[in-house]
Structure formats: C-alpha cells, structure tokens
Amino acid sequence: MNAIANAKPYFPGWQLLQIPGPSNVPAKVLAAMAQPTIDHRGEAFAAFAKTLLDDLKPIFGTKDDIVIFPSSGTGAWEAALVNVTSPGDTVLMAETGHFATLWFKLARQLGLNAELLPGDWRKAADPQAIGARLREDKVHTIKAVCVVHNETSTGATSDIAAVRAAIDAAGHPALLLVDTISSLGSVDYHQDDWGVDVTIAGSQKGLMLPPGLGFNAYRAKAKAAAETARMPRSYFDWEAMRAAPLTGQFPYTPATNLLFALRAALDLLAQEGMDNVFHRHARHARATRAAVEAWGLEVLCVEPEHQSNVLTAVVMPEGVSADGFRALMVNRFNMSLGNGLSKLKDRVFRIGHLGDFNDMMLIATLGGVQMGLIAYGVKPQTSGVEAAMAVLAEAL
C-alpha cells in the first residue's frame, strides 16, 4: 500500500516529447530496430550496408563519401577534427550558442589552437565577421572554419552558403566544417552545392532515430587534408572506414540494429519526399512563432530570416523561472520541453517541432504550453493556439 501511495501518478496516453532532440521515433523505425541481429560479416548485411550508404547521399546533398560511426554527435565532431588537422593547428569556431561553444572546447581538449569568434547567442553566424578574420590571417594559419548550421540551444539557423562565399571572397584555403546534427533531415542542406568540406550529423533528430549513430560526409579537399593530417586517430579514422561503401564491411562491429532503423527512416523520408519534409518543418515553425507572438512572449533568435524550422527558443518574462515552468509542464501535463543551456539557463524554454511530427501534434503541444503558462501565472495576451491554427490553415 505504501509503495502505491508513494508512486508517481499515472498519466494516460503518451508523453509529449517536445525537446529539440532526441525526437520522437516512428513506430516503423522502432519495429526495424527490433529485427533479429544478423551477421555483420555476412553477405546479406554487406549488400544491405552498401545500399544504405548510397541512399544517405541525397540527404546530405553530396555525391562523395559518408562514414557512419557508432557514436553520438560529439563523436562525429571529434572525428571531423582529428581527420583533417594536426596538433597545434588553428581552427576558427563561430560562437552561435551552447553547442558551438562545446565544439570549441572539444577542439581545445584535442590540443588544437581553437579560436572562438564572438557571438551574442541571439543571432546566426556572421559571414562578414568570418571573412574579416580570415583576411587578417595573411599566412593562412587557420586550417578550418567550424560552423553549427542549426544552433539547437538558441533556435538560429546559419546561412552556410554565405559562409562559404565569405571564405572564398577572402581568398583563404581553410576547410569548412559544418555541424548539421539538429538540421539534417529537417532543413534543406546541400553539402556539394554549398562547398562544405565536412558535414557532421547525428541520428537522433531529423533522421528520427534514437541516439547512437554519428556521421561524417566529406569531399575531396578534406580527403586530401586527411592524408597529411597528423592528429592521433584510430576509432574515428576515415581511412579505416574507406572500404565500407564498396564492400559493406566495417572495420569494427557496427551498430547493426540502428542501421536497420536508419534504413526504415530513410524509406519514410523518401515516401514523404524531402521537399514536403522541409515544407512541413517550415509550416510548423511559422505556426509556433505565431503562437509565441500571440502569447506576448519573445523568440530568442532576433533575426527573422535565421529563425529555426527545427525548434523555437522562447524567452520567459524577467524574473520568471523557465525551469520552474518546465517542471510544471512535466508534472501536470506530462510534456517535456527543452531547457535553457549555459548562459540561457532558467531564462528560456525550447519547443521542438521536428522529426516525426504533424499538425495535430503541434496543436496539442501549443495547447499544453498555453495551459501551462496560465497555470504558472504568465497570462497570454491572446490565444497562441488560435494564431497557430490560422497559420496552418493558410499554409496547407
């Protein structure tokens, strides 16, 4: 009896997981993971893996090599850096938020001379500032420019094509490394057309998988850099993975059942059509921002053209605890919202609207947030739900 009395209350239905990743995993993807494990050295798995790697390329917008590591996105960050740099090399990181800063710290821990180009966490990466810094580097000590495409902590999406244009205009040979961990599969991305040398990605967001797979897609210039780079590497060595696209054989045990899940996710994305996927994410982002405006709250990213289609970071009124509000949302409505990270702690909450997500799920999410705001004493100016529905009705 005491155990029952002390148990957490039961919430009928499912929890609304509205963090900006890991995102909701579709039933077909979960079912694919539940398949029996097969021999990863057998012919059947080799044929499966070769097709899988080929079908990944359009998602990255590339015709070049892609490698898959059993890792988180952080592992994919490390893989990108250790394959194209040598100890003591200088890399320039654009400060757009928490995750750009973490990547900078990781580079420092690897022994690189990492330089953080300052940003205010409310804007995307500044191509002009990147170009100006590269023009100062007359002897080309900067080996790579590192940019987060979609900064998950702030809800700002950077213009990668403009960054590449700034690098080229400066006449600088630096490689361009781009983190697409929270954008790939949700926001239009073109590695080859945009001149990205290395793309970093993870499985748990737009690709609609659980965490556990890290990706590097790299082009000829990065491949050439890897041939002379002297950073110690073993587990994350691209060269060790080189045969996988041709043979379907990995140098060590792959995450077989996560790869089955990836196959199912790619099939779902193809069935919907990537243009439709991007349009859906854009609609949901516009509807969410309309709701925030109707409530009388502020979107963290102050540049409308760079506001994310993946998530919306919402600034709480001065003196109101965003973490307290998030706790109320979990305990009363069984909804998980993203927290504010680093300097944004307790100041913002983040609404994820990515991955396996539809109009009805969005309206349920915004309805829950609106009820939560009222319960927490933050009275909305007008109905955000009605504002969002109006956007969705106009943008079918």
Protein backbone atom coordinates (compact mmCIF):
# COMPACT_ATOMS: atom_id res chain seq x y z
CA MET A 1 0.00 0.00 0.00
CA ASN A 2 2.83 2.41 0.90
CA ALA A 3 4.59 1.65 -2.38
CA ILE A 4 1.43 2.56 -4.29
CA ALA A 5 0.93 5.70 -2.25
CA ASN A 6 4.49 6.85 -2.97
CA ALA A 7 4.40 6.03 -6.66
CA LYS A 8 4.36 8.75 -9.27
CA PRO A 9 0.91 9.44 -10.74
CA TYR A 10 -0.02 7.56 -13.87
CA PHE A 11 -0.57 9.72 -16.95
CA PRO A 12 -2.86 8.06 -19.51
CA GLY A 13 -1.72 8.37 -23.11
CA TRP A 14 1.82 9.17 -24.19
CA GLN A 15 4.25 11.78 -23.00
CA LEU A 16 4.61 14.71 -25.40
CA LEU A 17 8.35 14.77 -26.08
CA GLN A 18 8.85 18.29 -27.35
CA ILE A 19 12.54 18.73 -26.67
CA PRO A 20 14.68 19.58 -29.73
CA GLY A 21 16.05 16.04 -29.83
CA PRO A 22 16.18 13.20 -29.34
CA SER A 23 12.96 13.47 -31.30
CA ASN A 24 10.01 11.11 -31.50
CA VAL A 25 10.87 7.79 -33.15
CA PRO A 26 8.27 6.46 -35.63
CA ALA A 27 6.75 3.05 -34.99
CA LYS A 28 8.24 1.64 -38.22
CA VAL A 29 11.70 2.71 -37.12
CA LEU A 30 11.25 1.11 -33.68
CA ALA A 31 9.98 -2.07 -35.36
CA ALA A 32 13.04 -2.14 -37.62
CA MET A 33 15.30 -1.98 -34.57
CA ALA A 34 13.50 -4.99 -33.14
CA GLN A 35 14.55 -7.25 -36.02
CA PRO A 36 16.88 -10.10 -35.14
CA THR A 37 20.55 -9.14 -35.31
CA ILE A 38 22.31 -10.68 -38.30
CA ASP A 39 25.94 -11.50 -39.07
CA HIS A 40 27.64 -8.19 -39.76
CA ARG A 41 30.32 -10.05 -41.71
CA GLY A 42 27.83 -11.91 -43.88
CA GLU A 43 26.83 -11.28 -47.48
CA ALA A 44 23.30 -10.18 -46.62
CA PHE A 45 24.50 -7.42 -44.29
CA ALA A 46 27.16 -6.29 -46.77
CA ALA A 47 24.57 -5.85 -49.52
CA PHE A 48 22.29 -4.01 -47.10
CA ALA A 49 25.05 -1.65 -45.93
CA LYS A 50 26.19 -0.68 -49.44
CA THR A 51 22.68 0.31 -50.45
CA LEU A 52 22.20 2.20 -47.18
CA LEU A 53 25.32 4.30 -47.65
CA ASP A 54 24.32 5.17 -51.23
CA ASP A 55 20.83 6.22 -50.16
CA LEU A 56 22.22 8.53 -47.48
CA LYS A 57 23.96 10.75 -50.01
CA PRO A 58 20.90 12.72 -51.21
CA ILE A 59 20.05 13.60 -47.58
CA PHE A 60 23.47 15.23 -47.26
CA GLY A 61 23.30 16.72 -50.75
CA THR A 62 26.52 15.03 -51.77
CA LYS A 63 27.97 12.51 -54.20
CA ASP A 64 31.06 12.00 -52.05
CA ASP A 65 31.97 9.70 -49.18
CA ILE A 66 29.95 9.27 -45.98
CA VAL A 67 31.13 7.32 -42.95
CA ILE A 68 28.99 6.15 -40.03
CA PHE A 69 30.38 5.74 -36.54
CA PRO A 70 28.68 4.12 -33.53
CA SER A 71 28.74 7.39 -31.59
CA SER A 72 26.88 10.48 -30.52
CA GLY A 73 27.13 13.76 -32.40
CA THR A 74 30.04 14.68 -30.13
CA GLY A 75 31.95 11.72 -31.54
CA ALA A 76 31.19 12.97 -35.04
CA TRP A 77 32.60 16.39 -34.07
CA GLU A 78 35.80 14.74 -32.90
CA ALA A 79 36.02 12.55 -35.99
CA ALA A 80 35.81 15.56 -38.29
CA LEU A 81 38.56 17.44 -36.45
CA VAL A 82 41.04 14.61 -35.96
CA ASN A 83 40.92 13.57 -39.62
CA VAL A 84 41.76 16.96 -41.15
CA THR A 85 44.03 18.67 -38.60
CA SER A 86 47.42 18.23 -36.96
CA PRO A 87 48.40 19.01 -33.36
CA GLY A 88 48.56 22.76 -32.76
CA ASP A 89 46.62 23.71 -35.89
CA THR A 90 44.38 26.76 -35.65
CA VAL A 91 40.65 26.34 -36.19
CA LEU A 92 38.11 29.17 -36.17
CA MET A 93 34.77 28.47 -34.48
CA ALA A 94 31.73 30.74 -34.87
CA GLU A 95 30.07 31.29 -31.48
CA THR A 96 26.33 30.88 -32.05
CA GLY A 97 25.35 29.22 -28.77
CA HIS A 98 25.96 26.38 -26.35
CA PHE A 99 26.79 23.69 -28.90
CA ALA A 100 29.19 25.85 -30.90
CA THR A 101 30.94 26.58 -27.60
CA LEU A 102 31.10 22.88 -26.71
CA TRP A 103 32.67 22.11 -30.09
CA PHE A 104 35.22 24.85 -29.40
CA LYS A 105 36.05 23.32 -26.01
CA LEU A 106 36.39 19.87 -27.58
CA ALA A 107 38.86 21.27 -30.13
CA ARG A 108 40.89 22.81 -27.31
CA GLN A 109 40.91 19.49 -25.44
CA LEU A 110 42.26 17.78 -28.55
CA GLY A 111 45.25 20.14 -28.50
CA LEU A 112 44.13 22.41 -31.31
CA ASN A 113 44.57 26.17 -31.18
CA ALA A 114 40.83 26.83 -31.29
CA GLU A 115 39.69 30.43 -31.67
CA LEU A 116 36.10 31.41 -30.84
CA LEU A 117 34.70 34.22 -32.97
CA PRO A 118 32.35 36.03 -30.53
CA GLY A 119 28.57 35.97 -30.96
CA ASP A 120 25.67 37.07 -28.77
CA TRP A 121 23.61 33.82 -28.83
CA ARG A 122 20.63 35.60 -30.41
CA LYS A 123 21.87 35.56 -33.99
CA ALA A 124 23.24 33.20 -36.60
CA ALA A 125 26.91 33.00 -37.60
CA ASP A 126 28.11 36.24 -39.21
CA PRO A 127 29.70 35.52 -42.62
CA GLN A 128 31.20 39.04 -42.78
CA ALA A 129 32.94 38.58 -39.43
CA ILE A 130 34.29 35.22 -40.56
CA GLY A 131 35.55 36.73 -43.79
CA ALA A 132 37.17 39.66 -41.97
CA ARG A 133 39.02 37.32 -39.59
CA LEU A 134 40.27 35.21 -42.49
CA ARG A 135 41.56 38.29 -44.31
CA GLU A 136 43.61 39.11 -41.22
CA ASP A 137 45.20 35.66 -41.46
CA LYS A 138 47.74 36.57 -44.14
CA VAL A 139 49.87 33.44 -43.69
CA HIS A 140 46.86 31.09 -43.62
CA THR A 141 47.42 29.58 -40.17
CA ILE A 142 43.67 28.90 -39.84
CA LYS A 143 43.13 25.39 -41.18
CA ALA A 144 39.36 25.12 -40.75
CA VAL A 145 36.26 27.19 -40.11
CA CYS A 146 33.67 25.41 -37.96
CA VAL A 147 30.01 26.47 -38.00
CA VAL A 148 26.88 24.97 -36.46
CA HIS A 149 24.16 25.03 -39.13
CA ASN A 150 21.24 24.96 -36.69
CA GLU A 151 22.18 26.02 -33.15
CA THR A 152 19.92 23.86 -31.00
CA SER A 153 20.38 25.97 -27.88
CA THR A 154 19.14 29.20 -29.47
CA GLY A 155 16.97 28.31 -32.46
CA ALA A 156 19.13 30.15 -35.02
CA THR A 157 19.98 28.69 -38.43
CA SER A 158 23.11 29.99 -40.16
CA ASP A 159 23.48 30.66 -43.89
CA ILE A 160 26.16 28.14 -44.84
CA ALA A 161 26.33 29.16 -48.49
CA ALA A 162 27.07 32.73 -47.34
CA VAL A 163 29.82 31.47 -45.03
CA ARG A 164 31.44 29.62 -47.92
CA ALA A 165 31.14 32.74 -50.09
CA ALA A 166 32.88 34.76 -47.36
CA ILE A 167 35.73 32.23 -47.14
CA ASP A 168 36.18 32.29 -50.92
CA ALA A 169 35.99 36.11 -51.08
CA ALA A 170 38.79 36.28 -48.50
CA GLY A 171 40.91 34.07 -50.76
CA HIS A 172 41.54 31.74 -47.85
CA PRO A 173 42.17 27.97 -48.19
CA ALA A 174 40.52 27.00 -44.87
CA LEU A 175 38.28 23.96 -44.84
CA LEU A 176 34.61 24.48 -43.97
CA LEU A 177 33.26 22.08 -41.33
CA VAL A 178 29.52 22.22 -40.62
CA ASP A 179 27.52 20.66 -37.78
CA THR A 180 24.09 19.57 -39.06
CA ILE A 181 23.25 17.45 -36.02
CA SER A 182 19.88 19.14 -35.47
CA SER A 183 19.18 20.22 -39.05
CA LEU A 184 19.86 17.24 -41.32
CA GLY A 185 16.58 15.74 -42.49
CA SER A 186 14.61 18.76 -41.27
CA VAL A 187 16.15 21.77 -43.04
CA ASP A 188 17.27 21.89 -46.68
CA TYR A 189 21.01 21.22 -46.88
CA HIS A 190 23.42 20.91 -49.83
CA GLN A 191 26.95 19.88 -48.97
CA ASP A 192 28.27 19.90 -52.54
CA ASP A 193 26.45 22.96 -53.84
CA TRP A 194 27.36 25.00 -50.75
CA GLY A 195 31.01 23.99 -50.81
CA VAL A 196 31.08 22.31 -47.42
CA ASP A 197 34.18 20.18 -46.92
CA VAL A 198 32.98 18.10 -43.94
CA THR A 199 29.42 17.66 -42.69
CA ILE A 200 28.82 16.37 -39.17
CA ALA A 201 25.49 14.75 -38.28
CA GLY A 202 23.76 12.57 -35.70
CA SER A 203 20.91 10.10 -35.77
CA GLN A 204 18.58 11.40 -33.08
CA LYS A 205 16.89 14.46 -34.56
CA GLY A 206 15.70 14.95 -38.13
CA LEU A 207 16.66 11.39 -39.03
CA MET A 208 14.14 10.17 -36.41
CA LEU A 209 16.34 7.53 -34.77
CA PRO A 210 17.47 7.05 -31.19
CA PRO A 211 20.93 8.44 -30.36
CA GLY A 212 23.87 6.27 -31.32
CA LEU A 213 24.99 6.99 -34.89
CA GLY A 214 27.42 9.75 -35.86
CA PHE A 215 28.08 10.74 -39.47
CA ASN A 216 30.86 12.46 -41.39
CA ALA A 217 30.34 13.31 -45.05
CA TYR A 218 33.49 14.70 -46.66
CA ARG A 219 34.63 15.97 -50.02
CA ALA A 220 37.89 15.78 -51.96
CA LYS A 221 39.63 18.72 -50.25
CA ALA A 222 39.01 17.25 -46.80
CA LYS A 223 40.08 13.82 -48.01
CA ALA A 224 43.35 15.29 -49.24
CA ALA A 225 43.85 17.06 -45.90
CA ALA A 226 43.31 13.76 -44.09
CA GLU A 227 46.18 12.17 -45.98
CA THR A 228 48.71 14.52 -44.37
CA ALA A 229 46.97 15.33 -41.08
CA ARG A 230 48.86 14.12 -38.01
CA MET A 231 46.25 14.16 -35.28
CA PRO A 232 46.20 10.79 -33.47
CA ARG A 233 43.17 8.78 -34.53
CA SER A 234 42.08 5.17 -34.57
CA TYR A 235 38.40 4.58 -33.81
CA PHE A 236 37.42 7.69 -35.79
CA ASP A 237 39.83 7.19 -38.69
CA TRP A 238 38.17 7.83 -42.05
CA GLU A 239 40.74 5.66 -43.79
CA ALA A 240 39.69 2.65 -41.74
CA MET A 241 36.13 3.20 -42.91
CA ARG A 242 37.08 3.72 -46.54
CA ALA A 243 36.11 0.23 -47.73
CA ALA A 244 32.61 0.24 -46.22
CA PRO A 245 30.82 1.97 -49.14
CA LEU A 246 32.40 -0.50 -51.58
CA THR A 247 32.24 -3.73 -49.59
CA GLY A 248 29.59 -3.12 -46.92
CA GLN A 249 32.14 -4.26 -44.34
CA PHE A 250 33.03 -2.05 -41.37
CA PRO A 251 36.44 -2.13 -39.61
CA TYR A 252 34.77 -2.92 -36.29
CA THR A 253 31.34 -4.04 -35.17
CA PRO A 254 28.72 -1.60 -36.49
CA ALA A 255 25.53 -0.71 -34.64
CA THR A 256 23.60 -3.21 -36.76
CA ASN A 257 20.11 -2.64 -35.44
CA LEU A 258 20.45 1.14 -35.51
CA LEU A 259 21.40 0.74 -39.16
CA PHE A 260 18.19 -1.25 -39.70
CA ALA A 261 16.39 1.68 -38.11
CA LEU A 262 18.20 4.13 -40.39
CA ARG A 263 17.01 2.14 -43.40
CA ALA A 264 13.41 2.46 -42.21
CA ALA A 265 13.83 6.20 -41.53
CA LEU A 266 15.28 6.85 -44.98
CA ASP A 267 12.36 4.98 -46.52
CA LEU A 268 9.88 7.15 -44.59
CA LEU A 269 11.64 10.35 -45.67
CA ALA A 270 11.63 9.18 -49.29
CA GLN A 271 7.95 8.26 -49.07
CA GLU A 272 7.05 11.75 -47.83
CA GLY A 273 9.50 13.44 -50.21
CA MET A 274 12.23 15.71 -48.89
CA ASP A 275 10.66 18.88 -50.30
CA ASN A 276 7.50 18.02 -48.36
CA VAL A 277 9.56 17.30 -45.24
CA PHE A 278 11.18 20.74 -45.42
CA HIS A 279 7.84 22.43 -46.13
CA ARG A 280 6.25 20.70 -43.13
CA HIS A 281 9.01 21.83 -40.80
CA ALA A 282 8.77 25.40 -42.10
CA ARG A 283 4.97 25.47 -41.57
CA HIS A 284 5.27 24.21 -38.03
CA ALA A 285 7.98 26.73 -37.22
CA ARG A 286 5.91 29.65 -38.54
CA ALA A 287 2.88 28.46 -36.59
CA THR A 288 4.91 28.12 -33.39
CA ARG A 289 6.40 31.60 -33.72
CA ALA A 290 2.90 32.98 -34.34
CA ALA A 291 1.79 31.37 -31.08
CA VAL A 292 4.72 32.83 -29.17
CA GLU A 293 3.95 36.30 -30.51
CA ALA A 294 0.26 35.94 -29.62
CA TRP A 295 1.17 34.95 -26.06
CA GLY A 296 3.19 38.18 -25.78
CA LEU A 297 6.49 36.34 -25.35
CA GLU A 298 9.72 36.72 -27.27
CA VAL A 299 11.51 34.36 -29.65
CA LEU A 300 15.18 34.20 -28.66
CA CYS A 301 16.57 34.48 -32.21
CA VAL A 302 16.10 38.12 -33.21
CA GLU A 303 16.82 37.65 -36.92
CA PRO A 304 13.59 36.54 -38.63
CA GLU A 305 15.42 35.19 -41.67
CA HIS A 306 17.51 32.91 -39.43
CA GLN A 307 14.82 31.64 -37.06
CA SER A 308 14.94 27.86 -36.95
CA ASN A 309 12.46 25.47 -38.54
CA VAL A 310 13.57 22.81 -36.05
CA LEU A 311 12.83 24.41 -32.71
CA THR A 312 11.74 27.67 -31.13
CA ALA A 313 13.53 29.05 -28.06
CA VAL A 314 11.12 31.19 -26.02
CA VAL A 315 12.31 33.89 -23.60
CA MET A 316 10.43 34.00 -20.32
CA PRO A 317 9.49 37.40 -18.81
CA GLU A 318 12.09 38.89 -16.47
CA GLY A 319 12.03 37.20 -13.07
CA VAL A 320 10.00 34.18 -14.25
CA SER A 321 11.76 30.82 -13.98
CA ALA A 322 11.77 28.89 -17.24
CA ASP A 323 12.89 25.76 -15.39
CA GLY A 324 10.04 26.09 -12.92
CA PHE A 325 7.64 26.34 -15.84
CA ARG A 326 9.18 23.27 -17.48
CA ALA A 327 8.78 21.31 -14.23
CA LEU A 328 5.11 22.25 -14.11
CA MET A 329 4.69 21.07 -17.70
CA VAL A 330 6.09 17.65 -16.86
CA ASN A 331 4.31 17.17 -13.55
CA ARG A 332 0.93 18.48 -14.59
CA PHE A 333 0.69 17.84 -18.34
CA ASN A 334 3.32 15.11 -18.96
CA MET A 335 5.06 17.25 -21.58
CA SER A 336 8.83 17.61 -21.85
CA LEU A 337 10.19 20.91 -23.16
CA GLY A 338 13.84 21.78 -23.78
CA ASN A 339 15.75 23.69 -21.12
CA GLY A 340 17.96 26.74 -21.41
CA LEU A 341 21.65 25.84 -21.65
CA SER A 342 24.71 27.60 -20.21
CA LYS A 343 24.09 31.37 -20.11
CA LEU A 344 20.44 30.76 -21.08
CA LYS A 345 19.76 28.52 -18.06
CA ASP A 346 16.37 29.25 -16.47
CA ARG A 347 15.76 32.08 -18.96
CA VAL A 348 14.31 30.19 -21.94
CA PHE A 349 12.39 27.06 -22.74
CA ARG A 350 12.63 25.35 -26.11
CA ILE A 351 9.80 23.83 -28.13
CA GLY A 352 10.96 21.12 -30.51
CA HIS A 353 8.92 20.76 -33.71
CA LEU A 354 10.99 18.36 -35.73
CA GLY A 355 11.15 14.80 -36.97
CA ASP A 356 8.09 12.56 -36.86
CA PHE A 357 5.63 15.38 -36.20
CA ASN A 358 2.32 16.61 -37.64
CA ASP A 359 -0.22 19.43 -37.36
CA MET A 360 -2.31 17.75 -34.66
CA MET A 361 0.78 17.07 -32.53
CA LEU A 362 1.79 20.72 -32.87
CA ILE A 363 -1.62 21.99 -31.78
CA ALA A 364 -1.56 19.61 -28.81
CA THR A 365 1.90 20.90 -27.92
CA LEU A 366 0.94 24.57 -28.15
CA GLY A 367 -2.31 23.93 -26.29
CA GLY A 368 -0.34 22.34 -23.48
CA VAL A 369 2.12 25.22 -23.35
CA GLN A 370 -0.73 27.74 -23.28
CA MET A 371 -2.45 25.91 -20.41
CA GLY A 372 0.89 25.72 -18.63
CA LEU A 373 1.56 29.42 -18.97
CA ILE A 374 -1.83 30.22 -17.43
CA ALA A 375 -1.25 27.74 -14.61
CA TYR A 376 2.20 29.24 -13.97
CA GLY A 377 0.84 32.77 -13.76
CA VAL A 378 2.08 34.00 -17.14
CA LYS A 379 -1.14 35.24 -18.68
CA PRO A 380 -1.06 35.08 -22.51
CA GLN A 381 -2.07 38.30 -24.27
CA THR A 382 -4.15 36.33 -26.79
CA SER A 383 -4.57 32.70 -27.84
CA GLY A 384 -1.40 31.30 -29.32
CA VAL A 385 -3.27 28.16 -30.33
CA GLU A 386 -5.68 30.15 -32.50
CA ALA A 387 -2.80 32.09 -34.04
CA ALA A 388 -1.01 28.84 -34.88
CA MET A 389 -4.15 27.28 -36.36
CA ALA A 390 -4.58 30.30 -38.62
CA VAL A 391 -1.03 29.85 -39.96
CA LEU A 392 -1.56 26.14 -40.53
CA ALA A 393 -4.85 26.74 -42.34
CA GLU A 394 -3.23 29.26 -44.68
CA ALA A 395 -0.18 27.12 -45.44
CA LEU A 396 -1.68 23.76 -46.40
